[in-house]
């Protein structure tokens, strides 16, 4: 039976996130192994636990395509299923953005091996929905923030899902970026902690 509910796709996504963290930890412990790092994938979408193990080389070659397929599956869900996802997505760090590297990576190059080598196994940044944006306005055309526009990584057919369903900001302007910075300063003030996951590499130590 095919995957057809928001909950099932979210479970797949969560498993992918856990695997990315495990891959980063294994790589950091023994960078010399690189593609020989073994990755545990949680394939449990029912009450019965199950794990499968794949080589790091295969994992790096397939994770980006798998991530796109999960988002496309979510985008194809009926509206009532998408509504369930939409009700909780604002508080979840659900968008993975590939780290860049000089040797290339998604979307131009599917395999993330070069990204792993350049970032010591950390393939992604996590971007909270409230901080994410599809593209930047003209007033940020030359701003470093433009590097993290989702349109740089995700194909145009997923724009509607990110913007309409997940409520990602369609266009980030200079004013909106300043407002986000003020909100973040207010959140950080009581604890003095740094920026949330959006500025950290996915899988980095906490």
Protein backbone atom coordinates (compact mmCIF):
# COMPACT_ATOMS: atom_id res chain seq x y z
CA UNK A 1 0.00 0.00 0.00
CA UNK A 2 1.41 3.37 -1.01
CA UNK A 3 2.18 6.26 1.26
CA UNK A 4 -0.82 8.58 1.18
CA UNK A 5 -1.18 10.53 4.43
CA UNK A 6 0.56 13.59 5.80
CA UNK A 7 1.54 11.63 8.90
CA UNK A 8 3.26 8.92 6.86
CA UNK A 9 5.19 11.45 4.78
CA UNK A 10 6.15 13.36 7.94
CA UNK A 11 7.46 10.12 9.45
CA UNK A 12 9.56 9.55 6.35
CA UNK A 13 10.89 13.07 6.61
CA UNK A 14 11.71 12.66 10.30
CA UNK A 15 13.57 9.43 9.53
CA UNK A 16 15.57 11.24 6.86
CA UNK A 17 16.50 14.00 9.32
CA UNK A 18 17.63 11.46 11.93
CA UNK A 19 19.71 9.65 9.32
CA UNK A 20 21.37 12.93 8.30
CA UNK A 21 22.36 13.60 11.89
CA UNK A 22 23.69 10.06 12.27
CA UNK A 23 25.68 10.38 9.06
CA UNK A 24 27.25 13.66 10.25
CA UNK A 25 28.24 12.13 13.59
CA UNK A 26 29.74 9.02 11.97
CA UNK A 27 31.66 11.13 9.45
CA UNK A 28 33.04 13.42 12.17
CA UNK A 29 34.27 10.43 14.16
CA UNK A 30 36.16 8.96 11.22
CA UNK A 31 36.41 11.34 8.22
CA UNK A 32 38.90 9.05 6.47
CA UNK A 33 36.13 6.49 5.87
CA UNK A 34 34.03 8.98 3.89
CA UNK A 35 31.87 6.89 1.54
CA UNK A 36 32.34 3.79 3.67
CA UNK A 37 30.35 5.29 6.56
CA UNK A 38 27.28 3.13 7.15
CA UNK A 39 23.95 4.93 7.52
CA UNK A 40 21.01 3.53 9.49
CA UNK A 41 17.68 4.39 7.88
CA UNK A 42 14.55 4.05 10.02
CA UNK A 43 11.95 2.54 7.71
CA UNK A 44 9.32 2.32 10.45
CA UNK A 45 6.01 3.80 9.43
CA UNK A 46 3.97 1.38 11.55
CA UNK A 47 4.13 -0.13 15.02
CA UNK A 48 6.86 -2.61 14.05
CA UNK A 49 10.41 -1.21 14.28
CA UNK A 50 12.68 -1.80 11.32
CA UNK A 51 16.02 -0.39 10.21
CA UNK A 52 18.00 -0.85 7.07
CA UNK A 53 21.65 0.04 6.54
CA UNK A 54 23.11 1.60 3.41
CA UNK A 55 26.61 2.70 2.51
CA UNK A 56 27.44 6.35 2.89
CA UNK A 57 28.26 6.52 -0.82
CA UNK A 58 24.77 5.35 -1.78
CA UNK A 59 23.21 7.58 0.84
CA UNK A 60 24.98 10.70 -0.46
CA UNK A 61 23.93 9.83 -4.00
CA UNK A 62 20.25 9.33 -3.20
CA UNK A 63 19.28 11.58 -0.28
CA UNK A 64 18.56 14.69 -2.36
CA UNK A 65 16.28 12.84 -4.78
CA UNK A 66 14.54 11.17 -1.84
CA UNK A 67 13.99 14.54 -0.16
CA UNK A 68 12.39 15.96 -3.30
CA UNK A 69 10.11 12.93 -3.59
CA UNK A 70 8.89 13.39 -0.02
CA UNK A 71 8.03 17.04 -0.61
CA UNK A 72 6.36 16.19 -3.92
CA UNK A 73 4.34 13.52 -2.12
CA UNK A 74 3.22 16.07 0.45
CA UNK A 75 2.36 18.54 -2.32
CA UNK A 76 0.13 15.94 -3.99
CA UNK A 77 -1.91 15.17 -0.85
CA UNK A 78 -5.60 16.06 -0.67
CA UNK A 79 -6.37 19.45 0.88
CA UNK A 80 -7.67 17.92 4.11
CA UNK A 81 -4.33 16.13 4.63
CA UNK A 82 -2.39 19.27 3.81
CA UNK A 83 -4.51 21.20 6.34
CA UNK A 84 -3.31 18.86 9.10
CA UNK A 85 0.28 19.55 8.11
CA UNK A 86 -0.35 23.29 7.82
CA UNK A 87 -1.74 23.50 11.35
CA UNK A 88 1.59 22.46 12.89
CA UNK A 89 4.27 23.38 10.35
CA UNK A 90 4.91 26.90 11.66
CA UNK A 91 6.56 25.55 14.80
CA UNK A 92 8.66 22.84 13.14
CA UNK A 93 12.13 23.05 11.62
CA UNK A 94 11.04 21.09 8.62
CA UNK A 95 12.94 22.56 5.69
CA UNK A 96 16.37 21.18 4.94
CA UNK A 97 18.60 23.41 2.82
CA UNK A 98 21.75 21.83 1.34
CA UNK A 99 25.05 23.34 2.40
CA UNK A 100 26.98 24.84 -0.48
CA UNK A 101 30.51 23.96 -1.41
CA UNK A 102 32.97 25.01 -4.16
CA UNK A 103 32.78 21.61 -5.84
CA UNK A 104 29.02 21.73 -6.24
CA UNK A 105 25.91 20.06 -4.86
CA UNK A 106 22.15 20.06 -5.32
CA UNK A 107 20.41 20.93 -7.44
CA UNK A 108 23.07 21.01 -10.19
CA UNK A 109 24.82 17.88 -8.89
CA UNK A 110 22.63 15.22 -7.31
CA UNK A 111 25.25 13.46 -5.18
CA UNK A 112 26.08 15.23 -1.93
CA UNK A 113 29.52 13.67 -1.57
CA UNK A 114 31.33 16.93 -2.36
CA UNK A 115 29.15 18.72 0.22
CA UNK A 116 29.99 16.08 2.84
CA UNK A 117 33.72 16.39 2.17
CA UNK A 118 33.65 20.19 2.34
CA UNK A 119 31.45 20.39 5.47
CA UNK A 120 32.81 17.40 7.40
CA UNK A 121 29.70 15.31 6.85
CA UNK A 122 27.14 18.05 7.56
CA UNK A 123 24.91 17.98 4.49
CA UNK A 124 22.11 20.37 5.44
CA UNK A 125 21.09 23.43 7.34
CA UNK A 126 17.72 23.32 9.08
CA UNK A 127 15.56 26.35 8.35
CA UNK A 128 12.48 27.04 10.48
CA UNK A 129 9.44 27.85 8.39
CA UNK A 130 9.12 31.30 9.99
CA UNK A 131 12.60 32.17 8.67
CA UNK A 132 12.34 30.51 5.28
CA UNK A 133 11.60 32.32 2.01
CA UNK A 134 11.23 31.33 -1.60
CA UNK A 135 13.13 34.26 -3.13
CA UNK A 136 14.43 37.73 -2.26
CA UNK A 137 13.13 41.10 -3.43
CA UNK A 138 15.09 43.58 -5.50
CA UNK A 139 16.22 45.40 -2.34
CA UNK A 140 18.09 42.23 -1.28
CA UNK A 141 19.36 41.25 -4.71
CA UNK A 142 22.99 41.52 -3.59
CA UNK A 143 22.51 40.61 0.06
CA UNK A 144 24.07 37.39 1.44
CA UNK A 145 20.61 36.29 2.59
CA UNK A 146 19.78 35.56 -1.03
CA UNK A 147 21.99 32.47 -0.85
CA UNK A 148 19.40 30.73 1.34
CA UNK A 149 16.37 31.37 -0.86
CA UNK A 150 14.62 28.04 -1.35
CA UNK A 151 14.33 28.75 -5.08
CA UNK A 152 18.10 28.25 -5.31
CA UNK A 153 17.66 24.60 -4.38
CA UNK A 154 14.11 23.40 -4.83
CA UNK A 155 12.44 23.11 -8.26
CA UNK A 156 9.65 25.51 -9.33
CA UNK A 157 6.97 22.81 -9.06
CA UNK A 158 7.37 22.87 -5.25
CA UNK A 159 6.90 26.63 -4.86
CA UNK A 160 3.14 26.37 -4.37
CA UNK A 161 3.57 23.75 -1.65
CA UNK A 162 6.11 25.78 0.30
CA UNK A 163 4.28 29.10 -0.07
CA UNK A 164 0.62 28.06 0.07
CA UNK A 165 0.70 25.00 2.32
CA UNK A 166 3.67 25.57 4.62
CA UNK A 167 3.20 29.36 4.56
CA UNK A 168 6.82 30.06 3.66
CA UNK A 169 7.32 33.74 2.84
CA UNK A 170 7.21 34.12 -0.93
CA UNK A 171 9.50 37.17 -1.17
CA UNK A 172 11.92 38.28 1.54
CA UNK A 173 12.36 42.05 1.60
CA UNK A 174 14.84 44.19 3.52
CA UNK A 175 12.08 45.31 5.90
CA UNK A 176 10.96 41.73 6.56
CA UNK A 177 14.56 40.64 7.17
CA UNK A 178 15.03 43.44 9.71
CA UNK A 179 11.82 42.42 11.47
CA UNK A 180 13.01 38.80 11.67
CA UNK A 181 16.29 40.00 13.17
CA UNK A 182 14.42 42.03 15.82
CA UNK A 183 12.20 39.07 16.69
CA UNK A 184 15.22 36.85 17.01
CA UNK A 185 17.00 39.27 19.30
CA UNK A 186 13.94 39.31 21.54
CA UNK A 187 13.83 35.51 21.66
CA UNK A 188 17.52 35.29 22.48
CA UNK A 189 17.56 38.00 25.15
CA UNK A 190 16.37 35.90 28.13
CA UNK A 191 18.93 33.13 27.59
CA UNK A 192 21.69 34.77 25.63
CA UNK A 193 21.73 31.82 23.24
CA UNK A 194 22.68 32.13 19.59
CA UNK A 195 20.47 31.96 16.55
CA UNK A 196 18.26 28.93 16.28
CA UNK A 197 18.80 26.06 13.88
CA UNK A 198 18.64 28.19 10.74
CA UNK A 199 22.23 29.37 11.23
CA UNK A 200 23.64 26.00 12.24
CA UNK A 201 24.70 23.07 10.17
CA UNK A 202 22.24 20.21 10.25
CA UNK A 203 23.59 17.46 12.44
CA UNK A 204 25.98 19.77 14.31
CA UNK A 205 26.50 19.06 17.97
CA UNK A 206 24.11 20.77 20.35
